[in-house]
C-alpha atoms as a PDB file:
ATOM      1  CA  MET A   1      27.738  47.850 -32.450  1.00  0.00           C
ATOM      2  CA  THR A   2      28.114  45.300 -29.669  1.00  0.00           C
ATOM      3  CA  ILE A   3      28.071  41.602 -30.548  1.00  0.00           C
ATOM      4  CA  LEU A   4      27.406  38.750 -28.141  1.00  0.00           C
ATOM      5  CA  HIS A   5      29.378  35.835 -29.615  1.00  0.00           C
ATOM      6  CA  ILE A   6      28.252  32.437 -28.295  1.00  0.00           C
ATOM      7  CA  ASP A   7      29.839  29.128 -29.245  1.00  0.00           C
ATOM      8  CA  SER A   8      28.219  25.861 -28.203  1.00  0.00           C
ATOM      9  CA  SER A   9      30.284  23.210 -29.965  1.00  0.00           C
ATOM     10  CA  ALA A  10      31.886  20.582 -27.749  1.00  0.00           C
ATOM     11  CA  ARG A  11      34.872  20.729 -30.106  1.00  0.00           C
ATOM     12  CA  THR A  12      37.530  23.404 -29.789  1.00  0.00           C
ATOM     13  CA  GLN A  13      39.546  22.150 -32.780  1.00  0.00           C
ATOM     14  CA  GLY A  14      38.015  21.473 -36.183  1.00  0.00           C
ATOM     15  CA  SER A  15      34.588  22.872 -35.308  1.00  0.00           C
ATOM     16  CA  VAL A  16      32.733  24.163 -38.344  1.00  0.00           C
ATOM     17  CA  THR A  17      30.394  26.304 -36.235  1.00  0.00           C
ATOM     18  CA  ARG A  18      33.220  27.902 -34.252  1.00  0.00           C
ATOM     19  CA  ASP A  19      34.897  28.834 -37.530  1.00  0.00           C
ATOM     20  CA  LEU A  20      31.676  30.175 -39.049  1.00  0.00           C
ATOM     21  CA  SER A  21      30.619  32.160 -35.975  1.00  0.00           C
ATOM     22  CA  ALA A  22      34.099  33.740 -35.775  1.00  0.00           C
ATOM     23  CA  GLN A  23      33.850  34.716 -39.456  1.00  0.00           C
ATOM     24  CA  ILE A  24      30.439  36.277 -38.877  1.00  0.00           C
ATOM     25  CA  VAL A  25      31.771  38.334 -35.968  1.00  0.00           C
ATOM     26  CA  ALA A  26      34.750  39.457 -38.067  1.00  0.00           C
ATOM     27  CA  GLN A  27      32.462  40.346 -40.986  1.00  0.00           C
ATOM     28  CA  LEU A  28      30.196  42.465 -38.770  1.00  0.00           C
ATOM     29  CA  GLY A  29      32.907  44.147 -36.713  1.00  0.00           C
ATOM     30  CA  GLY A  30      32.302  45.886 -33.418  1.00  0.00           C
ATOM     31  CA  ASP A  31      32.810  45.323 -29.723  1.00  0.00           C
ATOM     32  CA  VAL A  32      32.526  41.660 -28.752  1.00  0.00           C
ATOM     33  CA  ILE A  33      31.209  39.998 -25.612  1.00  0.00           C
ATOM     34  CA  ARG A  34      32.419  36.403 -25.692  1.00  0.00           C
ATOM     35  CA  ARG A  35      30.516  33.470 -24.183  1.00  0.00           C
ATOM     36  CA  ASP A  36      31.989  30.023 -24.848  1.00  0.00           C
ATOM     37  CA  LEU A  37      29.827  27.163 -23.619  1.00  0.00           C
ATOM     38  CA  ILE A  38      32.642  24.579 -23.803  1.00  0.00           C
ATOM     39  CA  ASN A  39      32.516  24.481 -20.008  1.00  0.00           C
ATOM     40  CA  ALA A  40      28.906  23.492 -19.503  1.00  0.00           C
ATOM     41  CA  LEU A  41      26.556  25.798 -17.670  1.00  0.00           C
ATOM     42  CA  PRO A  42      24.609  24.409 -14.727  1.00  0.00           C
ATOM     43  CA  GLN A  43      21.181  22.943 -15.337  1.00  0.00           C
ATOM     44  CA  ILE A  44      18.281  24.668 -13.649  1.00  0.00           C
ATOM     45  CA  ASN A  45      17.040  22.827 -10.569  1.00  0.00           C
ATOM     46  CA  GLU A  46      14.474  23.273  -7.814  1.00  0.00           C
ATOM     47  CA  THR A  47      16.617  25.795  -5.943  1.00  0.00           C
ATOM     48  CA  TRP A  48      17.008  27.897  -9.097  1.00  0.00           C
ATOM     49  CA  VAL A  49      13.305  27.725  -9.974  1.00  0.00           C
ATOM     50  CA  ASN A  50      12.279  28.725  -6.453  1.00  0.00           C
ATOM     51  CA  ALA A  51      14.734  31.647  -6.491  1.00  0.00           C
ATOM     52  CA  ASN A  52      13.461  32.727  -9.902  1.00  0.00           C
ATOM     53  CA  PHE A  53       9.824  32.667  -8.747  1.00  0.00           C
ATOM     54  CA  THR A  54      10.610  34.720  -5.660  1.00  0.00           C
ATOM     55  CA  PRO A  55      10.047  38.446  -6.308  1.00  0.00           C
ATOM     56  CA  ALA A  56      13.435  40.176  -6.722  1.00  0.00           C
ATOM     57  CA  ASP A  57      12.924  42.445  -3.715  1.00  0.00           C
ATOM     58  CA  GLN A  58      12.185  39.425  -1.503  1.00  0.00           C
ATOM     59  CA  ARG A  59      15.153  37.219  -2.477  1.00  0.00           C
ATOM     60  CA  ASP A  60      17.643  36.313   0.202  1.00  0.00           C
ATOM     61  CA  ALA A  61      21.420  36.172  -0.342  1.00  0.00           C
ATOM     62  CA  VAL A  62      21.349  32.479  -1.336  1.00  0.00           C
ATOM     63  CA  GLN A  63      18.632  33.098  -3.921  1.00  0.00           C
ATOM     64  CA  ARG A  64      20.482  36.106  -5.364  1.00  0.00           C
ATOM     65  CA  ASP A  65      23.638  33.995  -5.581  1.00  0.00           C
ATOM     66  CA  THR A  66      21.672  31.174  -7.240  1.00  0.00           C
ATOM     67  CA  LEU A  67      20.491  33.570  -9.970  1.00  0.00           C
ATOM     68  CA  ALA A  68      23.798  35.444 -10.362  1.00  0.00           C
ATOM     69  CA  LEU A  69      24.981  33.525 -13.440  1.00  0.00           C
ATOM     70  CA  SER A  70      21.558  33.846 -15.068  1.00  0.00           C
ATOM     71  CA  ASP A  71      21.624  37.585 -14.370  1.00  0.00           C
ATOM     72  CA  THR A  72      25.081  37.852 -15.956  1.00  0.00           C
ATOM     73  CA  LEU A  73      23.989  35.951 -19.077  1.00  0.00           C
ATOM     74  CA  ILE A  74      20.926  38.166 -19.419  1.00  0.00           C
ATOM     75  CA  GLU A  75      23.023  41.325 -19.007  1.00  0.00           C
ATOM     76  CA  GLU A  76      25.227  40.076 -21.863  1.00  0.00           C
ATOM     77  CA  LEU A  77      22.118  39.717 -24.033  1.00  0.00           C
ATOM     78  CA  LYS A  78      20.828  43.151 -23.057  1.00  0.00           C
ATOM     79  CA  ALA A  79      24.197  44.769 -23.825  1.00  0.00           C
ATOM     80  CA  ALA A  80      24.356  43.275 -27.327  1.00  0.00           C
ATOM     81  CA  ASP A  81      22.893  44.706 -30.513  1.00  0.00           C
ATOM     82  CA  THR A  82      23.576  41.451 -32.370  1.00  0.00           C
ATOM     83  CA  ILE A  83      23.787  37.908 -31.045  1.00  0.00           C
ATOM     84  CA  VAL A  84      25.901  35.429 -33.023  1.00  0.00           C
ATOM     85  CA  ILE A  85      25.461  31.791 -32.027  1.00  0.00           C
ATOM     86  CA  GLY A  86      27.532  28.911 -33.360  1.00  0.00           C
ATOM     87  CA  VAL A  87      25.479  25.740 -33.026  1.00  0.00           C
ATOM     88  CA  PRO A  88      26.250  22.255 -34.251  1.00  0.00           C
ATOM     89  CA  VAL A  89      23.296  19.917 -34.594  1.00  0.00           C
ATOM     90  CA  TYR A  90      23.751  16.916 -32.314  1.00  0.00           C
ATOM     91  CA  ASN A  91      21.220  14.136 -32.800  1.00  0.00           C
ATOM     92  CA  PHE A  92      18.813  16.507 -34.571  1.00  0.00           C
ATOM     93  CA  GLY A  93      18.851  19.159 -31.804  1.00  0.00           C
ATOM     94  CA  ILE A  94      21.009  21.742 -30.068  1.00  0.00           C
ATOM     95  CA  PRO A  95      23.865  20.854 -27.691  1.00  0.00           C
ATOM     96  CA  THR A  96      22.873  20.507 -24.043  1.00  0.00           C
ATOM     97  CA  ALA A  97      25.188  23.395 -23.130  1.00  0.00           C
ATOM     98  CA  LEU A  98      23.149  25.716 -25.355  1.00  0.00           C
ATOM     99  CA  LYS A  99      19.882  24.389 -23.926  1.00  0.00           C
ATOM    100  CA  ALA A 100      21.196  25.216 -20.443  1.00  0.00           C
ATOM    101  CA  TRP A 101      21.970  28.763 -21.671  1.00  0.00           C
ATOM    102  CA  VAL A 102      18.418  29.074 -23.026  1.00  0.00           C
ATOM    103  CA  ASP A 103      16.961  27.919 -19.705  1.00  0.00           C
ATOM    104  CA  LEU A 104      19.079  30.464 -17.834  1.00  0.00           C
ATOM    105  CA  VAL A 105      18.149  33.448 -20.039  1.00  0.00           C
ATOM    106  CA  ALA A 106      14.444  32.802 -20.691  1.00  0.00           C
ATOM    107  CA  ARG A 107      13.054  34.346 -17.503  1.00  0.00           C
ATOM    108  CA  ALA A 108       9.529  35.635 -17.009  1.00  0.00           C
ATOM    109  CA  GLY A 109       9.530  39.300 -16.121  1.00  0.00           C
ATOM    110  CA  VAL A 110      13.126  39.728 -17.264  1.00  0.00           C
ATOM    111  CA  THR A 111      13.447  38.619 -20.913  1.00  0.00           C
ATOM    112  CA  PHE A 112       9.745  37.963 -21.558  1.00  0.00           C
ATOM    113  CA  LYS A 113       6.435  38.676 -19.883  1.00  0.00           C
ATOM    114  CA  TYR A 114       3.003  37.135 -19.951  1.00  0.00           C
ATOM    115  CA  SER A 115       0.104  39.104 -21.382  1.00  0.00           C
ATOM    116  CA  GLU A 116      -3.553  38.393 -22.081  1.00  0.00           C
ATOM    117  CA  THR A 117      -2.573  37.334 -25.602  1.00  0.00           C
ATOM    118  CA  GLY A 118       0.403  35.185 -24.548  1.00  0.00           C
ATOM    119  CA  PRO A 119       4.112  35.690 -23.924  1.00  0.00           C
ATOM    120  CA  VAL A 120       5.784  38.910 -25.108  1.00  0.00           C
ATOM    121  CA  GLY A 121       9.550  39.151 -25.568  1.00  0.00           C
ATOM    122  CA  LEU A 122      11.291  42.037 -23.834  1.00  0.00           C
ATOM    123  CA  LEU A 123      14.553  42.156 -25.822  1.00  0.00           C
ATOM    124  CA  GLU A 124      13.197  44.001 -28.865  1.00  0.00           C
ATOM    125  CA  GLY A 125      15.372  45.698 -31.474  1.00  0.00           C
ATOM    126  CA  LYS A 126      18.148  43.115 -31.574  1.00  0.00           C
ATOM    127  CA  ARG A 127      19.408  40.860 -34.339  1.00  0.00           C
ATOM    128  CA  ALA A 128      20.473  37.213 -34.120  1.00  0.00           C
ATOM    129  CA  ILE A 129      22.625  35.301 -36.582  1.00  0.00           C
ATOM    130  CA  ILE A 130      22.805  31.578 -36.033  1.00  0.00           C
ATOM    131  CA  ALA A 131      25.619  29.590 -37.660  1.00  0.00           C
ATOM    132  CA  VAL A 132      24.427  25.995 -37.911  1.00  0.00           C
ATOM    133  CA  ALA A 133      26.378  22.955 -39.035  1.00  0.00           C
ATOM    134  CA  THR A 134      24.980  19.468 -39.435  1.00  0.00           C
ATOM    135  CA  GLY A 135      26.440  16.141 -40.428  1.00  0.00           C
ATOM    136  CA  GLY A 136      23.481  14.878 -42.426  1.00  0.00           C
ATOM    137  CA  THR A 137      20.400  16.818 -41.348  1.00  0.00           C
ATOM    138  CA  PRO A 138      19.122  19.324 -43.903  1.00  0.00           C
ATOM    139  CA  VAL A 139      18.608  22.662 -42.097  1.00  0.00           C
ATOM    140  CA  GLY A 140      14.941  23.614 -42.137  1.00  0.00           C
ATOM    141  CA  SER A 141      13.786  20.057 -42.765  1.00  0.00           C
ATOM    142  CA  ASP A 142      11.266  18.126 -40.687  1.00  0.00           C
ATOM    143  CA  ILE A 143      14.126  16.460 -38.797  1.00  0.00           C
ATOM    144  CA  ASP A 144      15.968  19.692 -37.965  1.00  0.00           C
ATOM    145  CA  PHE A 145      14.881  20.451 -34.397  1.00  0.00           C
ATOM    146  CA  ALA A 146      17.693  22.962 -33.855  1.00  0.00           C
ATOM    147  CA  SER A 147      17.274  25.939 -36.198  1.00  0.00           C
ATOM    148  CA  GLY A 148      13.499  26.245 -35.775  1.00  0.00           C
ATOM    149  CA  TYR A 149      13.817  25.924 -32.010  1.00  0.00           C
ATOM    150  CA  LEU A 150      16.442  28.677 -31.848  1.00  0.00           C
ATOM    151  CA  ARG A 151      14.350  30.953 -34.088  1.00  0.00           C
ATOM    152  CA  HIS A 152      11.418  30.370 -31.750  1.00  0.00           C
ATOM    153  CA  ILE A 153      13.455  31.014 -28.583  1.00  0.00           C
ATOM    154  CA  MET A 154      14.904  34.216 -30.023  1.00  0.00           C
ATOM    155  CA  GLY A 155      11.397  35.417 -30.916  1.00  0.00           C
ATOM    156  CA  PHE A 156      10.096  34.340 -27.512  1.00  0.00           C
ATOM    157  CA  ILE A 157      12.533  36.732 -25.812  1.00  0.00           C
ATOM    158  CA  GLY A 158      11.813  39.490 -28.356  1.00  0.00           C
ATOM    159  CA  ILE A 159      14.488  38.989 -31.009  1.00  0.00           C
ATOM    160  CA  HIS A 160      12.593  38.626 -34.285  1.00  0.00           C
ATOM    161  CA  ASP A 161      15.355  39.556 -36.745  1.00  0.00           C
ATOM    162  CA  VAL A 162      16.944  36.090 -36.986  1.00  0.00           C
ATOM    163  CA  GLU A 163      19.103  34.820 -39.819  1.00  0.00           C
ATOM    164  CA  VAL A 164      20.419  31.276 -40.142  1.00  0.00           C
ATOM    165  CA  ILE A 165      23.720  30.631 -41.901  1.00  0.00           C
ATOM    166  CA  ALA A 166      23.778  26.916 -42.675  1.00  0.00           C
ATOM    167  CA  ALA A 167      26.571  24.487 -43.406  1.00  0.00           C
ATOM    168  CA  ASP A 168      24.249  21.543 -43.518  1.00  0.00           C
ATOM    169  CA  ARG A 169      24.970  17.953 -44.463  1.00  0.00           C
ATOM    170  CA  VAL A 170      28.730  18.474 -44.019  1.00  0.00           C
ATOM    171  CA  ALA A 171      29.267  14.708 -43.797  1.00  0.00           C
ATOM    172  CA  ALA A 172      27.665  14.308 -47.227  1.00  0.00           C
ATOM    173  CA  GLN A 173      28.670  17.559 -48.949  1.00  0.00           C
ATOM    174  CA  GLY A 174      31.943  18.317 -47.173  1.00  0.00           C
ATOM    175  CA  SER A 175      33.702  21.498 -48.208  1.00  0.00           C
ATOM    176  CA  GLU A 176      30.834  22.502 -50.517  1.00  0.00           C
ATOM    177  CA  ALA A 177      28.499  22.916 -47.511  1.00  0.00           C
ATOM    178  CA  VAL A 178      31.073  25.026 -45.691  1.00  0.00           C
ATOM    179  CA  ALA A 179      31.793  27.104 -48.813  1.00  0.00           C
ATOM    180  CA  ASN A 180      28.073  27.848 -49.198  1.00  0.00           C
ATOM    181  CA  ALA A 181      27.901  29.058 -45.592  1.00  0.00           C
ATOM    182  CA  LYS A 182      31.005  31.219 -46.038  1.00  0.00           C
ATOM    183  CA  ALA A 183      29.499  32.774 -49.167  1.00  0.00           C
ATOM    184  CA  ALA A 184      26.372  33.667 -47.165  1.00  0.00           C
ATOM    185  CA  ILE A 185      28.571  35.250 -44.468  1.00  0.00           C
ATOM    186  CA  GLU A 186      30.271  37.474 -47.042  1.00  0.00           C
ATOM    187  CA  LYS A 187      26.849  38.909 -47.928  1.00  0.00           C
ATOM    188  CA  LEU A 188      26.010  39.873 -44.346  1.00  0.00           C
ATOM    189  CA  ALA A 189      25.682  43.569 -43.671  1.00  0.00           C
ATOM    190  CA  ALA A 190      26.648  45.074 -40.342  1.00  0.00           C
END
């Protein structure tokens, strides 16, 4: 099994999601592709969008270079059987670094396509496990705009087997929230 391990916390020390995502990867075992978003990815811009909308066989060298990072990120997704994402909830949503990753991997004709009935994901047969930590936001609540969004994005690109491991309300529940998440990790099957 190949695992794509993505961390999106701005913290390298004391990050609950980095700890949880590492435990998930260790629990599953397998070959690991590592993608740490501590060094922010570039935001998409007009140059990127124009390159993306240019048919692949018509792109010039500048356009191919513009899409090179996106292509690499997508190849990491394609190579993985399981995607493990560590995601803290910042101000009710995902970190901007993770949003940049989403923008770079959600590409029409590459990770999804349009059909008469709507978009169809092209990365079928994969599994995603999302380790979420929040300070005070209950995961799955009306004010959690992170876990539902990530479930949707995974499904949008074809990954429908999505599990959320939550250490929610850490500021209120402290070690109990983390212990609950760790207990859920121990029950994960490879």
